[in-house]
Amino acid sequence: MAGVLDSVNQRTQLVGQNRLELLMFRLNGRQLYGINVFKVKEVLPCPPLSVLPHSSRVVRGVAYVRGRTISILDLSIATGGSTLRDEGKGFIIITEYNNSVQGFLVSGVERIVNLNWEAIHSPPKGSGREHYLTAVTEVDQRLVEILDVERILAEVVPAGKGLSDSLVSSGQRAEAINTVLIVDDSSVARSQIKRCCEAIGLQTVVLNDGKQALDHLKTMLAQGLNPMDKYILLISDIEMPEMDGYTLTASIKHDPKLAGMHVMLHTSLSGVFNQAMVEKVGADDFLAKFHPDELAQRVLKQLEMRHKAA
C-alpha cells in the first residue's frame, strides 16, 4: 500500500500511445473501481474532517491538505450507494478536474495498473442511463468500473454557466449547414459541448470515443465524402475507451485525406496536462473544460476562418 501512495505523484506524468495508468480502489464491498492516474495529485489516509453545515450529503466534510482547504466527497454516496463506514480507516484521492481540486473518500486503495485504452470498453448496452460509469475493463479476471467523475461533480456542484448573450447573438448569424463533431465518453461533457455549439447556431454530431470518431471519418472517405466539407472542427476529449484523444488526433493528422481537419482537444486534465503532447500529436488547439464562452469564441473563430478561406 505504501508503494502505491508514494508513487502516485511521479506516475501522473504518463503520456503514452493510447495507454493509461489506472488507480484501482474500493468503496463498500469487494467491487473494484478505477480512476486515471492523470487526474490524481495525491493519495492520503483520510485526515480528520470538519463538517460543513447545510452542505450536500455527498460532501463528508473538508480537510486541510498541503496548505489548502479541500472538499471531501464520499464516492459511495455520490454513486447511489451507502455511506462509507469508518472514514478514519479510509483514504482520500486528491484529484484535479476542470481547474478545481477535490478529494474523494474511498475505503481502500489497491494498486496502479498500466493498460492500453483498447482494453477499456464502454459500459454494456442495457445498463440503463442512471449508472455512473464511463467505461469498464478487466484486471486479473476481475471487472473494474471506471466512474464518470465529471457527472458526479456536476451533480454535487452544478456548473450553472451559460453562454454570454453577446455570443448567442453573434452565433445566430451562423449558417445552419455548419456542423461540429463532438467526441467525449462523458454524457455530461457531451451535453455541455452540444448545448454550447447549438446555442451559437451550429449543428452537432456526437460520438462516444475516439475509435467511433475515426471509423466515422474513414467511412465518409470511403463513401467519397470529404469530412472537412461537413465539419468546421472536431472537439475531442483525451480520456476515452477504445481510443484516446491523443491517438485519434495523431491518426487524423497522419492521414493525408484528413490532416487538414481542425482538431481541438477539450479535457478536464487541467492540472497535469502536457502541452508538449498536444504539439507532438498535431492538435490545432487545446482548451480545459468547461468554459462555455471560451469554447464558443474558439468555435466561432474557426467558423470565421473557414468562411474566409471559402
Protein backbone atom coordinates (compact mmCIF):
# COMPACT_ATOMS: atom_id res chain seq x y z
CA MET A 1 0.00 0.00 0.00
CA ALA A 2 2.77 2.46 0.91
CA GLY A 3 4.32 1.89 -2.51
CA VAL A 4 1.08 2.89 -4.21
CA LEU A 5 0.72 6.03 -2.10
CA ASP A 6 4.35 7.08 -2.55
CA SER A 7 4.40 6.63 -6.33
CA VAL A 8 1.23 8.37 -7.48
CA ASN A 9 2.72 11.84 -7.95
CA GLN A 10 5.62 10.55 -10.05
CA ARG A 11 3.37 8.43 -12.25
CA THR A 12 0.81 11.11 -13.11
CA GLN A 13 3.11 12.31 -15.88
CA LEU A 14 2.47 9.24 -18.06
CA VAL A 15 1.90 10.15 -21.66
CA GLY A 16 1.88 7.16 -23.99
CA GLN A 17 0.50 5.93 -27.24
CA ASN A 18 -3.10 5.04 -26.40
CA ARG A 19 -2.12 3.90 -22.89
CA LEU A 20 -3.13 4.92 -19.41
CA GLU A 21 -2.39 4.05 -15.82
CA LEU A 22 -5.40 3.28 -13.69
CA LEU A 23 -5.51 3.69 -9.91
CA MET A 24 -7.82 0.96 -8.56
CA PHE A 25 -9.79 1.44 -5.35
CA ARG A 26 -12.76 0.07 -3.41
CA LEU A 27 -15.85 1.62 -1.87
CA ASN A 28 -18.18 -0.58 0.21
CA GLY A 29 -17.61 -4.21 -0.70
CA ARG A 30 -15.20 -6.00 -3.00
CA GLN A 31 -16.07 -4.29 -6.30
CA LEU A 32 -13.06 -2.55 -7.88
CA TYR A 33 -13.27 0.94 -9.33
CA GLY A 34 -10.73 2.90 -11.32
CA ILE A 35 -9.59 6.45 -11.95
CA ASN A 36 -7.00 7.64 -14.47
CA VAL A 37 -3.74 8.46 -12.66
CA PHE A 38 -3.53 11.59 -14.81
CA LYS A 39 -6.30 13.06 -12.65
CA VAL A 40 -4.65 12.15 -9.34
CA LYS A 41 -2.49 14.61 -7.43
CA GLU A 42 -2.04 12.57 -4.25
CA VAL A 43 -3.45 9.70 -2.18
CA LEU A 44 -3.55 10.06 1.61
CA PRO A 45 -5.01 8.29 4.63
CA CYS A 46 -8.18 10.20 5.44
CA PRO A 47 -7.38 13.08 7.83
CA PRO A 48 -9.89 14.42 10.38
CA LEU A 49 -12.78 16.09 8.54
CA SER A 50 -14.66 19.23 9.52
CA VAL A 51 -18.38 19.03 8.71
CA LEU A 52 -19.90 21.93 6.78
CA PRO A 53 -23.45 22.87 7.82
CA HIS A 54 -26.08 22.61 5.07
CA SER A 55 -23.64 21.05 2.60
CA SER A 56 -24.61 18.29 0.18
CA ARG A 57 -24.85 14.87 1.82
CA VAL A 58 -22.21 13.72 -0.66
CA VAL A 59 -19.69 16.12 0.95
CA ARG A 60 -18.47 14.35 4.09
CA GLY A 61 -16.54 17.43 5.18
CA VAL A 62 -13.47 19.50 4.41
CA ALA A 63 -9.82 18.74 5.09
CA TYR A 64 -6.76 20.96 5.31
CA VAL A 65 -4.22 19.44 2.93
CA ARG A 66 -0.90 20.98 1.84
CA GLY A 67 -1.93 24.47 2.89
CA ARG A 68 -5.39 24.50 1.32
CA THR A 69 -8.91 23.51 2.31
CA ILE A 70 -10.39 20.75 0.13
CA SER A 71 -13.92 19.39 -0.01
CA ILE A 72 -14.06 15.62 0.54
CA LEU A 73 -16.77 13.76 -1.38
CA ASP A 74 -18.00 10.30 -0.42
CA LEU A 75 -17.84 8.43 -3.73
CA SER A 76 -20.14 5.70 -2.45
CA ILE A 77 -22.97 8.15 -1.68
CA ALA A 78 -22.30 10.05 -4.92
CA THR A 79 -22.91 6.92 -6.97
CA GLY A 80 -26.10 5.89 -5.16
CA GLY A 81 -24.57 3.63 -2.52
CA SER A 82 -24.48 3.78 1.26
CA THR A 83 -22.18 5.93 3.38
CA LEU A 84 -18.63 4.64 3.60
CA ARG A 85 -18.07 3.12 7.01
CA ASP A 86 -15.32 4.21 9.40
CA GLU A 87 -13.85 7.13 7.42
CA GLY A 88 -10.84 7.18 9.76
CA LYS A 89 -9.61 3.95 8.15
CA GLY A 90 -10.29 5.16 4.60
CA PHE A 91 -8.25 7.12 2.09
CA ILE A 92 -8.77 10.29 0.13
CA ILE A 93 -7.81 10.52 -3.52
CA ILE A 94 -6.93 14.16 -4.24
CA THR A 95 -7.80 14.97 -7.86
CA GLU A 96 -7.93 17.93 -10.19
CA TYR A 97 -10.84 18.19 -12.61
CA ASN A 98 -11.83 21.21 -14.66
CA ASN A 99 -9.42 23.53 -12.84
CA SER A 100 -10.71 22.59 -9.38
CA VAL A 101 -9.19 20.37 -6.68
CA GLN A 102 -11.29 17.96 -4.62
CA GLY A 103 -10.85 14.81 -2.58
CA PHE A 104 -12.76 11.55 -2.96
CA LEU A 105 -13.23 9.38 0.10
CA VAL A 106 -12.76 5.65 -0.61
CA SER A 107 -12.48 2.67 1.71
CA GLY A 108 -9.30 1.23 0.24
CA VAL A 109 -6.70 1.77 -2.49
CA GLU A 110 -5.46 -1.30 -4.36
CA ARG A 111 -2.71 -0.60 -6.90
CA ILE A 112 -1.88 1.08 -10.20
CA VAL A 113 -2.12 -0.88 -13.44
CA ASN A 114 -0.84 0.07 -16.88
CA LEU A 115 -3.38 -0.62 -19.63
CA ASN A 116 -4.00 0.05 -23.28
CA TRP A 117 -7.08 2.15 -23.99
CA GLU A 118 -8.19 -0.66 -26.32
CA ALA A 119 -8.76 -2.74 -23.18
CA ILE A 120 -11.13 -0.07 -21.83
CA HIS A 121 -14.69 -0.52 -23.07
CA SER A 122 -17.91 1.45 -22.92
CA PRO A 123 -20.49 0.24 -20.36
CA PRO A 124 -22.50 -2.70 -21.70
CA LYS A 125 -25.70 -1.92 -23.56
CA GLY A 126 -28.77 -2.44 -21.44
CA SER A 127 -27.15 -0.99 -18.32
CA GLY A 128 -29.52 1.97 -18.45
CA ARG A 129 -28.85 5.69 -18.24
CA GLU A 130 -28.68 6.10 -14.47
CA HIS A 131 -25.29 4.48 -13.87
CA TYR A 132 -22.16 6.50 -13.12
CA LEU A 133 -19.76 4.68 -15.43
CA THR A 134 -17.84 5.92 -18.42
CA ALA A 135 -16.12 2.60 -19.05
CA VAL A 136 -15.27 -0.86 -17.76
CA THR A 137 -12.21 -3.07 -18.03
CA GLU A 138 -10.89 -6.37 -16.68
CA VAL A 139 -7.82 -6.78 -14.49
CA ASP A 140 -6.76 -10.23 -13.28
CA GLN A 141 -10.17 -11.60 -14.34
CA ARG A 142 -11.97 -9.03 -12.17
CA LEU A 143 -14.28 -6.34 -13.53
CA VAL A 144 -13.10 -2.78 -12.87
CA GLU A 145 -15.66 0.02 -13.21
CA ILE A 146 -14.38 3.45 -14.26
CA LEU A 147 -16.53 6.22 -12.82
CA ASP A 148 -17.86 9.28 -14.63
CA VAL A 149 -16.37 11.78 -12.20
CA GLU A 150 -17.50 14.73 -14.32
CA ARG A 151 -21.11 13.65 -13.87
CA ILE A 152 -20.61 13.21 -10.12
CA LEU A 153 -19.12 16.68 -9.77
CA ALA A 154 -21.82 18.24 -11.96
CA GLU A 155 -24.50 16.82 -9.65
CA VAL A 156 -22.79 17.95 -6.45
CA VAL A 157 -21.70 21.37 -7.72
CA PRO A 158 -23.71 22.27 -10.85
CA ALA A 159 -21.71 24.42 -13.26
CA GLY A 160 -24.50 26.95 -13.70
CA LYS A 161 -22.66 28.54 -16.60
CA GLY A 162 -24.36 29.61 -19.78
CA LEU A 163 -23.18 31.49 -22.80
CA SER A 164 -23.00 35.26 -22.68
CA ASP A 165 -25.85 36.98 -24.52
CA SER A 166 -23.39 38.61 -26.91
CA LEU A 167 -22.06 35.23 -28.04
CA VAL A 168 -25.55 33.81 -28.52
CA SER A 169 -26.43 36.85 -30.63
CA SER A 170 -23.30 36.50 -32.76
CA GLY A 171 -23.99 32.82 -33.24
CA GLN A 172 -27.43 33.43 -34.68
CA ARG A 173 -25.73 34.56 -37.88
CA ALA A 174 -24.04 31.20 -38.33
CA GLU A 175 -25.24 29.12 -41.26
CA ALA A 176 -27.24 26.04 -40.37
CA ILE A 177 -25.16 23.79 -42.64
CA ASN A 178 -22.12 24.15 -40.39
CA THR A 179 -21.55 21.17 -38.10
CA VAL A 180 -19.22 20.38 -35.21
CA LEU A 181 -18.08 16.80 -34.49
CA ILE A 182 -18.03 16.18 -30.72
CA VAL A 183 -16.23 13.18 -29.22
CA ASP A 184 -16.43 12.50 -25.47
CA ASP A 185 -17.18 9.49 -23.28
CA SER A 186 -18.86 11.55 -20.53
CA SER A 187 -22.57 12.12 -21.04
CA VAL A 188 -22.33 15.36 -19.03
CA ALA A 189 -19.47 16.71 -21.15
CA ARG A 190 -21.20 15.73 -24.40
CA SER A 191 -24.35 17.58 -23.36
CA GLN A 192 -22.41 20.68 -22.27
CA ILE A 193 -20.49 20.96 -25.54
CA LYS A 194 -23.57 20.17 -27.64
CA ARG A 195 -25.64 22.89 -25.92
CA CYS A 196 -22.81 25.39 -26.31
CA CYS A 197 -22.42 24.78 -30.05
CA GLU A 198 -26.14 24.71 -30.74
CA ALA A 199 -26.61 27.95 -28.80
CA ILE A 200 -24.45 29.71 -31.41
CA GLY A 201 -26.47 28.27 -34.27
CA LEU A 202 -24.42 25.21 -35.22
CA GLN A 203 -25.42 21.61 -35.78
CA THR A 204 -23.62 18.82 -33.95
CA VAL A 205 -22.77 15.16 -34.40
CA VAL A 206 -21.91 13.45 -31.10
CA LEU A 207 -19.84 10.27 -30.66
CA ASN A 208 -18.66 8.43 -27.54
CA ASP A 209 -14.99 7.60 -28.18
CA GLY A 210 -12.03 8.04 -30.47
CA LYS A 211 -12.48 4.77 -32.32
CA GLN A 212 -16.07 5.64 -33.21
CA ALA A 213 -14.89 9.02 -34.47
CA LEU A 214 -12.06 7.65 -36.60
CA ASP A 215 -14.31 4.93 -38.06
CA HIS A 216 -16.93 7.60 -38.84
CA LEU A 217 -14.42 9.78 -40.68
CA LYS A 218 -12.99 6.83 -42.64
CA THR A 219 -16.50 5.71 -43.60
CA MET A 220 -17.15 9.17 -45.01
CA LEU A 221 -13.95 8.96 -47.05
CA ALA A 222 -14.92 5.50 -48.33
CA GLN A 223 -18.23 6.96 -49.49
CA GLY A 224 -16.43 9.65 -51.44
CA LEU A 225 -17.27 12.38 -48.93
CA ASN A 226 -14.81 14.91 -47.54
CA PRO A 227 -15.34 15.27 -43.76
CA MET A 228 -13.97 18.80 -43.89
CA ASP A 229 -16.83 19.81 -46.19
CA LYS A 230 -19.21 18.97 -43.34
CA TYR A 231 -17.33 19.66 -40.12
CA ILE A 232 -15.93 23.01 -39.05
CA LEU A 233 -13.82 21.23 -36.48
CA LEU A 234 -13.60 18.18 -34.23
CA ILE A 235 -13.78 18.73 -30.45
CA SER A 236 -12.38 15.71 -28.64
CA ASP A 237 -11.83 14.61 -25.06
CA ILE A 238 -8.48 12.97 -24.27
CA GLU A 239 -9.52 10.16 -21.91
CA MET A 240 -11.81 7.77 -23.78
CA PRO A 241 -12.30 3.99 -24.02
CA GLU A 242 -11.11 2.09 -27.10
CA MET A 243 -9.01 5.03 -28.39
CA ASP A 244 -7.89 8.15 -26.54
CA GLY A 245 -7.86 11.68 -27.93
CA TYR A 246 -4.10 11.71 -28.47
CA THR A 247 -4.25 8.63 -30.67
CA LEU A 248 -7.33 9.90 -32.50
CA THR A 249 -5.58 13.19 -33.25
CA ALA A 250 -2.37 11.52 -34.40
CA SER A 251 -4.35 9.14 -36.65
CA ILE A 252 -6.18 12.05 -38.26
CA LYS A 253 -3.06 14.13 -38.77
CA HIS A 254 -1.12 11.21 -40.25
CA ASP A 255 -3.82 10.55 -42.88
CA PRO A 256 -3.26 12.87 -45.87
CA LYS A 257 -7.01 12.94 -46.58
CA LEU A 258 -7.86 14.04 -43.02
CA ALA A 259 -4.77 16.02 -41.99
CA GLY A 260 -6.43 19.36 -42.72
CA MET A 261 -9.19 18.79 -40.17
CA HIS A 262 -9.07 21.25 -37.26
CA VAL A 263 -8.82 19.28 -34.00
CA MET A 264 -9.39 20.80 -30.56
CA LEU A 265 -8.55 18.70 -27.52
CA HIS A 266 -11.03 19.60 -24.78
CA THR A 267 -10.25 17.92 -21.48
CA SER A 268 -10.61 18.05 -17.71
CA LEU A 269 -6.91 17.15 -17.38
CA SER A 270 -6.18 20.70 -16.28
CA GLY A 271 -3.62 20.13 -13.55
CA VAL A 272 -1.19 17.69 -15.17
CA PHE A 273 -1.80 18.35 -18.82
CA ASN A 274 1.31 18.12 -21.01
CA GLN A 275 1.31 20.85 -23.68
CA ALA A 276 4.20 19.13 -25.43
CA MET A 277 1.96 16.13 -26.10
CA VAL A 278 -0.60 18.35 -27.84
CA GLU A 279 2.13 19.57 -30.17
CA LYS A 280 3.51 16.07 -30.65
CA VAL A 281 0.23 14.61 -31.90
CA GLY A 282 -0.51 17.68 -34.03
CA ALA A 283 -3.65 19.04 -32.32
CA ASP A 284 -4.61 22.51 -33.54
CA ASP A 285 -5.96 23.75 -30.23
CA PHE A 286 -6.38 22.84 -26.56
CA LEU A 287 -8.95 24.01 -24.03
CA ALA A 288 -9.52 22.89 -20.45
CA LYS A 289 -13.12 22.07 -19.51
CA PHE A 290 -15.53 23.72 -19.09
CA HIS A 291 -15.59 27.38 -20.13
CA PRO A 292 -18.58 27.87 -22.44
CA ASP A 293 -17.73 31.42 -23.52
CA GLU A 294 -14.16 30.50 -24.38
CA LEU A 295 -15.30 27.36 -26.21
CA ALA A 296 -17.90 29.32 -28.21
CA GLN A 297 -15.38 32.03 -29.09
CA ARG A 298 -12.90 29.50 -30.45
CA VAL A 299 -15.54 27.66 -32.44
CA LEU A 300 -16.81 30.95 -33.93
CA LYS A 301 -13.22 31.95 -34.75
CA GLN A 302 -12.70 28.70 -36.62
CA LEU A 303 -16.04 29.19 -38.38
CA GLU A 304 -14.96 32.67 -39.47
CA MET A 305 -11.64 31.35 -40.76
CA ARG A 306 -13.43 28.65 -42.78
CA HIS A 307 -15.73 31.25 -44.33
CA LYS A 308 -12.79 33.48 -45.25
CA ALA A 309 -10.97 30.53 -46.82
CA ALA A 310 -14.10 29.63 -48.79
